[in-house]
Protein backbone atom coordinates (compact mmCIF):
# COMPACT_ATOMS: atom_id res chain seq x y z
CA MET A 1 4.59 -34.17 2.80
CA SER A 2 5.64 -32.00 5.56
CA GLY A 3 9.18 -32.46 4.21
CA VAL A 4 8.21 -30.92 0.76
CA LEU A 5 5.92 -28.74 2.07
CA VAL A 6 9.19 -26.74 4.22
CA VAL A 7 12.25 -27.16 0.96
CA ALA A 8 9.24 -25.06 -1.07
CA TYR A 9 8.73 -22.52 1.80
CA LEU A 10 12.63 -22.22 1.65
CA ALA A 11 12.67 -21.80 -2.00
CA ALA A 12 10.03 -19.32 -2.23
CA GLY A 13 12.35 -17.39 0.74
CA VAL A 14 15.56 -17.44 -1.70
CA LEU A 15 13.43 -17.22 -4.19
CA PHE A 16 12.13 -13.58 -2.44
CA ILE A 17 15.85 -12.74 -1.88
CA ARG A 18 17.17 -12.69 -5.08
CA SER A 19 14.14 -10.73 -6.45
CA LEU A 20 15.12 -7.95 -3.94
CA GLY A 21 19.22 -8.23 -5.15
CA GLY A 22 17.87 -7.66 -8.49
CA LEU A 23 15.99 -4.95 -7.45
CA SER A 24 19.35 -3.17 -6.59
CA LYS A 25 20.17 -2.60 -10.41
CA GLN A 26 18.24 -0.94 -13.15
CA GLU A 27 19.56 -3.47 -14.97
CA THR A 28 18.05 -7.02 -13.94
CA ALA A 29 14.87 -5.56 -11.85
CA SER A 30 12.60 -7.17 -15.16
CA GLN A 31 14.29 -10.24 -13.63
CA GLY A 32 13.68 -9.16 -10.20
CA ASN A 33 10.30 -8.80 -10.31
CA GLU A 34 10.25 -11.72 -12.34
CA LEU A 35 11.79 -13.92 -9.77
CA GLY A 36 9.27 -12.30 -7.06
CA MET A 37 6.79 -13.29 -8.91
CA VAL A 38 7.91 -17.48 -8.97
CA GLY A 39 8.11 -17.06 -5.22
CA MET A 40 4.93 -15.78 -4.53
CA ALA A 41 2.82 -17.90 -7.06
CA ILE A 42 5.09 -21.10 -4.93
CA ALA A 43 4.26 -19.62 -1.00
CA VAL A 44 0.37 -18.84 -2.10
CA ALA A 45 0.41 -22.56 -3.62
CA VAL A 46 2.29 -24.12 -0.73
CA ALA A 47 -0.07 -21.88 1.48
CA MET A 48 -3.19 -24.03 -0.77
CA VAL A 49 -1.60 -27.20 0.51
CA THR A 50 -1.30 -26.65 2.88
CA TRP A 51 -5.26 -25.60 4.13
CA ILE A 52 -6.48 -29.21 1.84
CA LEU A 53 -4.29 -30.88 3.78
CA GLY A 54 -4.57 -29.57 7.53
CA ALA A 55 -1.19 -29.36 8.09
CA ASN A 56 -1.12 -27.17 10.23
CA ASP A 57 -3.22 -28.79 12.65
CA PRO A 58 -5.27 -31.27 11.32
CA SER A 59 -8.11 -31.30 14.30
CA ALA A 60 -9.04 -27.53 13.34
CA LEU A 61 -11.49 -28.65 10.93
CA GLU A 62 -13.02 -31.41 8.88
CA LEU A 63 -12.09 -32.35 5.09
CA ASN A 64 -15.26 -31.02 3.81
CA GLN A 65 -15.01 -28.38 5.71
CA ARG A 66 -11.31 -27.24 4.55
CA THR A 67 -12.14 -27.79 0.93
CA THR A 68 -15.00 -25.30 0.60
CA GLY A 69 -12.62 -22.95 2.15
CA LEU A 70 -10.17 -23.74 -0.27
CA ALA A 71 -12.74 -23.16 -2.53
CA MET A 72 -13.10 -19.35 -1.20
CA LEU A 73 -9.84 -18.46 -1.37
CA ALA A 74 -9.99 -19.32 -4.78
CA GLY A 75 -11.83 -16.96 -5.80
CA ALA A 76 -10.65 -14.31 -3.46
CA ILE A 77 -6.78 -14.77 -5.24
CA GLY A 78 -9.64 -14.99 -8.44
CA VAL A 79 -10.82 -11.17 -7.42
CA GLY A 80 -7.46 -10.04 -6.53
CA PHE A 81 -5.23 -11.10 -8.94
CA PHE A 82 -8.67 -8.88 -11.51
CA ILE A 83 -8.54 -6.28 -9.79
CA GLY A 84 -4.31 -6.38 -9.58
CA ALA A 85 -4.62 -7.38 -13.20
CA VAL A 86 -6.52 -3.95 -13.93
CA LEU A 87 -5.19 -1.72 -12.42
CA ALA A 88 -1.54 -2.53 -13.03
CA LYS A 89 -2.31 -1.83 -16.77
CA ARG A 90 -4.59 1.01 -16.31
CA VAL A 91 -2.59 3.42 -14.16
CA GLU A 92 -0.30 6.20 -14.97
CA MET A 93 3.48 5.50 -13.45
CA THR A 94 2.63 9.75 -12.72
CA GLY A 95 -0.23 7.43 -10.68
CA MET A 96 2.48 4.97 -8.94
CA PRO A 97 3.00 6.78 -5.75
CA GLU A 98 -0.22 6.90 -5.17
CA LEU A 99 -0.87 2.96 -5.77
CA VAL A 100 1.79 1.99 -4.23
CA ALA A 101 0.67 3.53 -1.32
CA ILE A 102 -2.88 2.29 -0.71
CA LEU A 103 -1.36 -1.49 -1.81
CA HIS A 104 0.10 -0.65 2.29
CA SER A 105 -2.72 0.04 3.61
CA PHE A 106 -3.72 -2.95 2.20
CA VAL A 107 -1.14 -5.27 4.06
CA GLY A 108 -2.06 -2.84 7.13
CA LEU A 109 -5.27 -3.61 7.46
CA ALA A 110 -5.04 -7.24 6.80
CA ALA A 111 -3.10 -7.50 9.68
CA VAL A 112 -5.33 -5.94 11.68
CA LEU A 113 -8.05 -8.36 10.28
CA VAL A 114 -5.49 -10.82 11.14
CA GLY A 115 -4.72 -10.70 14.75
CA PHE A 116 -8.37 -10.36 15.27
CA SER A 117 -10.00 -13.32 13.98
CA SER A 118 -6.05 -15.22 16.07
CA TYR A 119 -7.34 -13.48 19.12
CA LEU A 120 -11.15 -14.74 18.80
CA HIS A 121 -10.49 -18.34 16.97
CA PRO A 122 -7.16 -19.70 18.76
CA HIS A 123 -5.78 -23.21 17.14
CA GLY A 124 -3.96 -24.98 19.68
CA LEU A 125 -3.23 -23.13 22.51
CA SER A 126 -5.10 -24.68 24.78
CA GLY A 127 -3.68 -25.29 28.15
CA ASP A 128 -0.11 -24.17 27.21
CA GLU A 129 -0.49 -21.00 29.90
CA ILE A 130 3.10 -19.56 28.65
CA ALA A 131 1.81 -20.28 24.14
CA LYS A 132 -1.21 -18.36 24.72
CA THR A 133 0.37 -15.84 25.96
CA VAL A 134 3.51 -15.17 23.71
CA HIS A 135 0.41 -15.29 21.54
CA GLU A 136 -1.71 -12.33 22.57
CA VAL A 137 1.46 -9.61 22.51
CA GLU A 138 2.02 -11.18 19.25
CA VAL A 139 -1.97 -10.27 18.35
CA TRP A 140 -1.37 -7.21 20.65
CA ILE A 141 1.92 -5.90 18.47
CA GLY A 142 0.92 -6.48 15.37
CA VAL A 143 -3.13 -5.86 15.50
CA ALA A 144 -0.44 -2.07 16.50
CA VAL A 145 1.50 -2.00 13.51
CA GLY A 146 -1.01 -3.05 11.42
CA ALA A 147 -3.47 -0.27 12.52
CA ILE A 148 0.03 2.10 12.17
CA THR A 149 0.01 1.24 8.51
CA LEU A 150 -3.99 1.46 7.77
CA THR A 151 -4.14 4.69 8.71
CA GLY A 152 -1.12 5.76 7.70
CA SER A 153 -0.84 4.86 3.80
CA ILE A 154 -4.34 5.80 3.49
CA ILE A 155 -2.82 9.40 4.72
CA ALA A 156 0.22 9.56 2.58
CA TRP A 157 -2.24 8.41 0.29
CA GLY A 158 -3.98 11.89 0.13
CA LYS A 159 -1.28 13.53 0.53
CA LEU A 160 0.62 11.86 -2.99
CA LYS A 161 -2.95 12.64 -4.40
CA GLY A 162 -3.69 15.84 -3.59
CA SER A 163 -7.13 15.11 -1.74
CA ILE A 164 -4.67 16.33 2.03
CA SER A 165 -2.75 19.20 1.37
CA GLY A 166 1.14 18.41 1.81
CA LYS A 167 2.04 20.98 4.63
CA PRO A 168 2.80 19.34 8.11
CA LEU A 169 0.01 19.98 11.33
CA LEU A 170 2.25 20.59 13.01
CA LEU A 171 -0.56 20.36 16.77
CA PRO A 172 1.31 21.86 19.51
CA GLY A 173 2.32 19.86 21.66
CA ARG A 174 2.99 16.75 19.32
CA HIS A 175 5.88 15.04 20.05
CA ALA A 176 4.00 14.16 23.82
CA LEU A 177 0.93 13.65 21.80
CA ASN A 178 3.08 11.08 20.24
CA ALA A 179 4.24 9.60 23.58
CA VAL A 180 0.75 9.18 25.14
CA ALA A 181 -0.42 7.69 22.79
CA GLY A 182 2.96 4.75 21.79
CA LEU A 183 2.16 4.53 26.53
CA ALA A 184 -0.84 3.52 26.39
CA MET A 185 -0.61 0.78 23.62
CA LEU A 186 2.40 0.17 25.34
CA GLY A 187 0.59 0.11 28.69
CA GLY A 188 -2.44 -1.85 27.58
CA THR A 189 -0.11 -5.15 26.81
CA VAL A 190 -0.13 -5.74 29.85
CA ALA A 191 -4.44 -5.55 30.50
CA PHE A 192 -4.49 -7.47 27.80
CA VAL A 193 -2.16 -10.89 28.15
CA GLN A 194 -3.30 -10.13 32.33
CA ASN A 195 -7.23 -10.07 31.57
CA THR A 196 -9.29 -12.84 32.94
CA ASN A 197 -12.89 -11.43 32.85
CA GLY A 198 -13.39 -12.09 29.47
CA ASN A 199 -12.64 -7.66 28.39
CA GLY A 200 -9.14 -8.76 26.36
CA ILE A 201 -11.29 -7.30 22.32
CA TRP A 202 -12.05 -4.26 24.20
CA LEU A 203 -8.64 -3.84 24.96
CA LEU A 204 -7.80 -4.63 22.04
CA VAL A 205 -10.30 -2.44 19.45
CA GLY A 206 -8.98 0.31 21.84
CA MET A 207 -5.81 0.27 21.59
CA THR A 208 -6.29 0.15 17.52
CA VAL A 209 -8.14 3.26 17.52
CA ILE A 210 -5.30 4.34 18.84
CA ALA A 211 -2.68 3.58 16.96
CA ALA A 212 -5.08 4.18 14.29
CA LEU A 213 -4.68 7.99 15.60
CA LEU A 214 -1.26 7.69 15.80
CA GLY A 215 -0.57 6.57 12.40
CA VAL A 216 -2.76 9.29 11.28
CA HIS A 217 -1.44 11.64 13.29
CA LEU A 218 3.04 10.73 12.08
CA VAL A 219 2.20 11.04 8.75
CA MET A 220 0.01 14.73 8.63
CA ALA A 221 3.03 15.72 10.69
CA ILE A 222 5.24 15.28 7.95
CA GLY A 223 5.62 17.75 5.11
CA GLY A 224 5.76 17.31 1.12
CA ALA A 225 9.52 16.92 0.81
CA ASP A 226 10.02 13.62 2.97
CA MET A 227 6.39 11.86 0.95
CA PRO A 228 9.02 10.12 -1.33
CA VAL A 229 10.55 9.15 2.79
CA VAL A 230 7.70 8.35 3.78
CA VAL A 231 5.68 5.76 0.83
CA SER A 232 9.13 4.08 1.67
CA LEU A 233 8.66 3.97 5.29
CA LEU A 234 5.88 2.47 4.45
CA ASN A 235 6.48 -0.20 3.03
CA SER A 236 8.72 -1.24 5.84
CA TYR A 237 6.05 -0.66 8.22
CA SER A 238 3.90 -2.88 5.73
CA GLY A 239 6.65 -5.70 6.18
CA TRP A 240 6.99 -5.50 9.84
CA ALA A 241 2.74 -5.56 9.61
CA ALA A 242 3.24 -8.80 7.28
CA ALA A 243 5.82 -10.21 9.46
CA ALA A 244 3.83 -9.97 12.28
CA ALA A 245 0.86 -11.32 11.12
CA GLY A 246 2.67 -14.68 10.52
CA PHE A 247 4.21 -15.12 13.73
CA MET A 248 0.27 -14.88 14.57
CA LEU A 249 -0.03 -17.16 12.21
CA SER A 250 2.74 -19.52 13.11
CA ASN A 251 3.30 -19.59 9.23
CA ASP A 252 7.37 -19.05 8.50
CA LEU A 253 7.64 -17.84 5.27
CA LEU A 254 5.52 -14.88 5.96
CA ILE A 255 7.44 -14.41 8.94
CA VAL A 256 10.66 -14.08 6.90
CA THR A 257 9.05 -12.48 3.49
CA GLY A 258 7.53 -9.75 6.37
CA ALA A 259 10.76 -8.98 7.76
CA LEU A 260 13.03 -9.53 3.49
CA VAL A 261 10.27 -5.69 3.05
CA GLY A 262 10.58 -4.30 6.41
CA SER A 263 14.81 -4.13 6.99
CA SER A 264 15.08 -3.02 3.10
CA GLY A 265 12.48 -0.45 3.44
CA THR A 266 14.07 0.52 6.61
CA ILE A 267 17.29 0.56 5.31
CA LEU A 268 16.19 3.21 2.17
CA SER A 269 14.71 4.75 4.30
CA ILE A 270 17.34 4.89 6.34
CA ILE A 271 19.63 5.80 2.99
CA MET A 272 17.55 8.72 1.62
CA CYS A 273 17.54 10.46 4.74
CA ARG A 274 20.90 10.46 4.77
CA ALA A 275 20.47 12.41 0.95
CA MET A 276 18.31 14.70 2.31
CA ASN A 277 20.36 15.41 5.34
CA ARG A 278 17.53 14.34 7.65
CA SER A 279 17.31 11.97 10.45
CA ILE A 280 15.42 8.95 10.48
CA LEU A 281 13.51 9.82 14.00
CA SER A 282 12.50 13.39 11.98
CA VAL A 283 10.87 12.42 9.84
CA VAL A 284 9.55 9.58 11.96
CA PHE A 285 8.12 11.56 14.72
CA GLY A 286 6.54 13.99 12.35
CA GLY A 287 9.58 17.23 12.39
CA PHE A 288 10.97 15.48 15.26
CA GLY A 289 14.26 16.46 15.40
CA THR A 290 16.45 18.57 13.02
CA GLY A 291 12.89 18.68 10.91
CA ASP A 292 11.51 20.21 13.44
CA ALA A 293 13.51 22.88 11.95
CA LYS A 294 12.31 26.51 12.37
CA PRO A 295 13.22 30.07 10.69
CA ALA A 296 16.37 30.94 11.99
CA THR A 297 15.66 34.49 10.76
CA GLY A 298 12.18 34.88 10.26
CA ALA A 299 10.61 34.28 6.70
CA ALA A 300 12.74 33.26 4.24
CA ALA A 301 14.45 35.32 1.86
CA ALA A 302 12.84 36.62 -0.58
CA ILE A 303 13.98 35.92 -3.89
CA THR A 304 14.88 38.89 -6.67
CA GLY A 305 15.86 39.71 -9.55
CA GLU A 306 13.99 39.08 -13.44
CA VAL A 307 13.12 35.87 -15.05
CA LYS A 308 14.69 34.85 -18.42
CA GLU A 309 12.62 33.60 -20.89
CA ILE A 310 14.45 31.24 -24.02
CA LYS A 311 11.72 29.82 -27.18
CA ALA A 312 12.05 26.88 -28.77
CA ASP A 313 13.85 26.95 -31.38
CA GLU A 314 16.56 29.34 -29.96
CA LEU A 315 17.54 26.91 -27.17
CA GLY A 316 17.67 23.74 -29.53
CA GLU A 317 20.13 25.92 -31.17
CA THR A 318 22.33 26.11 -28.27
CA LEU A 319 21.90 22.44 -28.00
CA SER A 320 23.32 21.49 -31.05
CA GLN A 321 26.06 23.93 -30.24
CA ALA A 322 27.06 22.39 -26.86
CA LYS A 323 29.65 19.45 -25.58
CA SER A 324 28.24 18.78 -22.89
CA VAL A 325 24.21 18.45 -21.45
CA VAL A 326 22.58 17.59 -18.37
CA ILE A 327 19.80 17.12 -17.77
CA VAL A 328 17.35 17.34 -14.66
CA PRO A 329 14.58 14.74 -14.37
CA GLY A 330 11.59 15.88 -12.10
CA TYR A 331 7.84 14.51 -11.16
CA GLY A 332 6.81 17.84 -13.89
CA MET A 333 8.15 15.01 -16.60
CA ALA A 334 6.07 12.54 -15.24
CA VAL A 335 3.15 14.48 -14.83
CA SER A 336 3.71 15.38 -19.36
CA ARG A 337 4.38 12.16 -20.10
CA ALA A 338 7.85 13.32 -21.62
CA GLN A 339 10.03 10.70 -20.93
CA GLY A 340 9.62 8.93 -24.47
CA SER A 341 9.93 12.75 -25.82
CA VAL A 342 13.62 12.84 -23.70
CA ASN A 343 15.04 9.78 -24.86
CA GLU A 344 14.40 11.02 -28.41
CA LEU A 345 15.82 14.06 -27.46
CA THR A 346 19.30 12.43 -25.64
CA ARG A 347 19.29 9.73 -29.46
CA THR A 348 19.32 13.46 -31.00
CA LEU A 349 21.70 15.26 -29.07
CA ARG A 350 24.32 11.79 -29.08
CA GLU A 351 24.00 11.43 -32.95
CA LYS A 352 25.39 14.96 -33.36
CA GLY A 353 28.37 13.97 -30.61
CA VAL A 354 26.44 15.41 -27.44
CA ASN A 355 28.10 14.14 -24.07
CA VAL A 356 24.50 13.69 -22.28
CA ARG A 357 24.27 12.64 -19.58
CA PHE A 358 20.84 12.49 -16.49
CA ALA A 359 21.39 13.80 -12.94
CA ILE A 360 19.02 12.23 -10.50
CA HIS A 361 17.90 13.03 -6.51
CA PRO A 362 17.59 10.36 -4.33
CA VAL A 363 13.74 12.17 -3.62
CA ALA A 364 13.11 13.24 -7.55
CA GLY A 365 9.23 12.26 -8.06
CA ARG A 366 7.07 11.22 -5.20
CA LEU A 367 8.68 8.01 -4.65
CA PRO A 368 12.05 6.51 -4.30
CA GLY A 369 13.31 5.87 -7.85
CA HIS A 370 10.65 7.39 -9.79
CA MET A 371 12.35 8.99 -12.89
CA ASN A 372 15.05 5.61 -12.52
CA VAL A 373 11.73 3.75 -13.48
CA LEU A 374 10.55 6.81 -15.77
CA LEU A 375 13.66 6.31 -17.76
CA ALA A 376 13.77 2.67 -17.62
CA GLU A 377 10.80 2.59 -18.87
CA ALA A 378 11.12 4.83 -22.13
CA GLY A 379 14.18 3.26 -22.60
CA VAL A 380 16.97 5.74 -21.69
CA PRO A 381 20.29 3.65 -21.58
CA TYR A 382 21.32 2.81 -17.87
CA ASP A 383 25.23 3.81 -17.71
CA ILE A 384 24.11 7.49 -18.49
CA VAL A 385 21.81 7.80 -15.28
CA LEU A 386 23.88 9.03 -12.78
CA GLU A 387 22.80 9.69 -9.14
CA MET A 388 23.42 13.00 -7.04
CA GLU A 389 26.41 11.84 -5.78
CA HIS A 390 28.55 10.95 -9.16
CA ILE A 391 27.11 14.64 -11.25
CA ASN A 392 27.04 17.37 -8.98
CA ALA A 393 30.92 17.96 -9.39
CA ASP A 394 30.11 18.01 -12.58
CA PHE A 395 27.62 21.46 -13.77
CA PRO A 396 31.12 23.49 -13.39
CA GLN A 397 32.12 22.08 -16.93
CA THR A 398 28.64 21.69 -17.67
CA ASP A 399 27.31 23.91 -21.02
CA VAL A 400 24.02 22.81 -20.90
CA VAL A 401 21.26 21.64 -18.21
CA LEU A 402 18.11 20.87 -18.88
CA VAL A 403 15.35 21.22 -15.20
CA ILE A 404 12.78 19.10 -16.76
CA GLY A 405 9.81 19.96 -13.58
CA ALA A 406 11.97 19.20 -10.92
CA ASN A 407 11.67 22.24 -8.33
CA ASP A 408 13.02 21.85 -4.71
CA ILE A 409 15.70 19.27 -5.78
CA VAL A 410 17.82 21.80 -7.58
CA ASN A 411 16.85 25.42 -5.12
CA PRO A 412 19.91 26.97 -3.92
CA SER A 413 17.90 28.36 -0.51
CA ALA A 414 19.09 24.55 0.01
CA LEU A 415 22.54 24.81 0.59
CA SER A 416 22.35 29.52 0.98
CA ASP A 417 18.94 29.71 2.98
CA PRO A 418 18.74 29.34 6.75
CA SER A 419 15.83 30.66 7.09
CA SER A 420 14.29 27.87 4.69
CA SER A 421 12.12 24.64 5.09
CA ILE A 422 14.25 22.63 3.04
CA TYR A 423 18.42 24.78 4.51
CA GLY A 424 20.39 21.34 4.48
CA MET A 425 19.50 18.83 2.14
CA PRO A 426 21.56 18.30 -0.66
CA VAL A 427 20.61 19.35 -3.53
CA LEU A 428 21.38 19.36 -7.37
CA GLU A 429 23.84 22.30 -8.21
CA CYS A 430 23.18 22.97 -11.65
CA TRP A 431 23.00 26.57 -11.73
CA LYS A 432 27.30 25.80 -11.14
CA SER A 433 27.55 25.34 -15.26
CA LYS A 434 27.23 27.88 -17.93
CA VAL A 435 23.63 28.10 -18.58
CA THR A 436 20.64 26.50 -16.75
CA VAL A 437 17.68 26.05 -18.67
CA VAL A 438 14.27 25.42 -16.50
CA LEU A 439 11.15 23.71 -18.15
CA LYS A 440 7.84 24.86 -16.21
CA ARG A 441 3.83 25.36 -16.67
CA GLY A 442 4.21 28.71 -14.60
CA MET A 443 5.76 29.58 -11.98
CA ALA A 444 4.14 28.03 -9.06
CA ALA A 445 6.18 26.44 -6.22
CA GLY A 446 7.68 23.27 -5.25
CA TYR A 447 5.39 20.45 -3.25
CA ALA A 448 8.05 21.78 -0.31
CA GLY A 449 5.43 24.55 -1.47
CA ILE A 450 8.95 27.48 -1.28
CA ASP A 451 9.74 29.23 -3.81
CA ASN A 452 13.19 28.43 -5.82
CA PRO A 453 15.39 31.57 -6.15
CA LEU A 454 17.46 29.54 -9.80
CA PHE A 455 14.37 30.69 -11.98
CA THR A 456 15.77 34.08 -11.31
CA LEU A 457 19.50 34.13 -11.63
CA ASP A 458 21.24 35.39 -13.83
CA GLY A 459 22.25 32.20 -15.81
CA THR A 460 18.77 30.90 -15.39
CA ARG A 461 16.64 30.69 -18.58
CA MET A 462 12.96 28.74 -19.26
CA LEU A 463 10.93 27.59 -20.96
CA PHE A 464 6.61 27.67 -20.01
CA GLY A 465 5.09 25.24 -21.09
CA ASP A 466 3.51 20.84 -20.97
CA ALA A 467 7.01 19.02 -21.52
CA LYS A 468 6.20 16.71 -23.42
CA LYS A 469 5.39 19.68 -25.84
CA SER A 470 8.56 22.08 -25.28
CA ILE A 471 10.22 18.71 -25.66
CA ASP A 472 8.84 17.71 -28.67
CA ALA A 473 9.64 21.25 -30.27
CA LEU A 474 13.26 21.16 -29.09
CA VAL A 475 13.64 17.95 -30.94
CA THR A 476 12.04 19.30 -33.89
CA ALA A 477 14.74 22.56 -33.46
CA VAL A 478 18.23 20.80 -33.16
CA ARG A 479 17.33 18.39 -36.27
CA LYS A 480 17.47 21.84 -38.24
């Protein structure tokens, strides 16, 4: 029977790997999700069978106790399934970043609870001092990673939801504080492992508090412009927390799955940091290194010039006469739920022979791939959705660029103003086109909290109003 369980775990692991492979492309993302769901179903089923058979530790519990525990587990799974289904149905795409962040916190909490449970009720370690020491190190690391993930994810959820300011909290000596916390956690490992007077649980509690505070401080020190990277990083943290829980439970599949999530999240974070001209350390430690940028010449350069407004009818005529149009979607498109209308405008223009493409910045929105998901949901063809590095060089040959609710990712200050907090970040250079039209509700600053000189450039026009209503008006104007 143990051989069958091993094969089932192996099959689940392969499905998880295939799932990640599918999620790497828009065309196969749906299939990747399905493979992941099948793999998780197998993993849960195998875990339940392992429990009922007592395959991990036959002497730990009697059969009737395991049966009772199985019923409780099935009930918990049912409740979790119901809650997950309701959330998936009710949460709008604009709320998806917050949902992802709070789900990461659940993984962290699970790792903390598993660590405490495993320490208080170890199984199969009596008489084996080496195994006991290894297990306690696993518990210490697992609880530490879990606590950082838990509180860091909660803070990220608050920032994304708007309950907590997106401005970074840069305390004096913050790097020293982080270092002291890290050294305290590292030094506590020795005391925890060598403890023989029964105070180990209090050492574990103390470390958990330190790790939880460290998680709060790390994410509070990260600015709003870096939040998509933070979500990716927390995804990585949750993976490592799950892997740590797998070590504590001696569950090979949990180790493999956690490692897959942790490593893929880390790789994605590095890719996004490179796209933003940030080092991974500058994001992880909230302003360390390049992220600690101070204004080089005092306050950011003042924005001068006059805002030039355009109406939907006039813009519709301009779009109809254009040969090439590029659409830059941002978080404002998600807020107004305008992706369906954007797809309708795209189809209408393409029917008129206009070459329409989309320019996607790696950190557009509040979540990695946020804009790609919205456009795919609306039915926009994958082949006209291009990443920044593939379309930036085409802006000088573009007749019209429509910027829909984006701000920081099209800010010229990132390239021209050393005093700007986003200086050095690659952006979509839409102002190089013949005409750039920005769709916004007003003149408010973006998530990074800085003004955008794009709005007053000679070639820029502003179309004020709700993005969906504006796009619907454009569709009507183009069809005239």
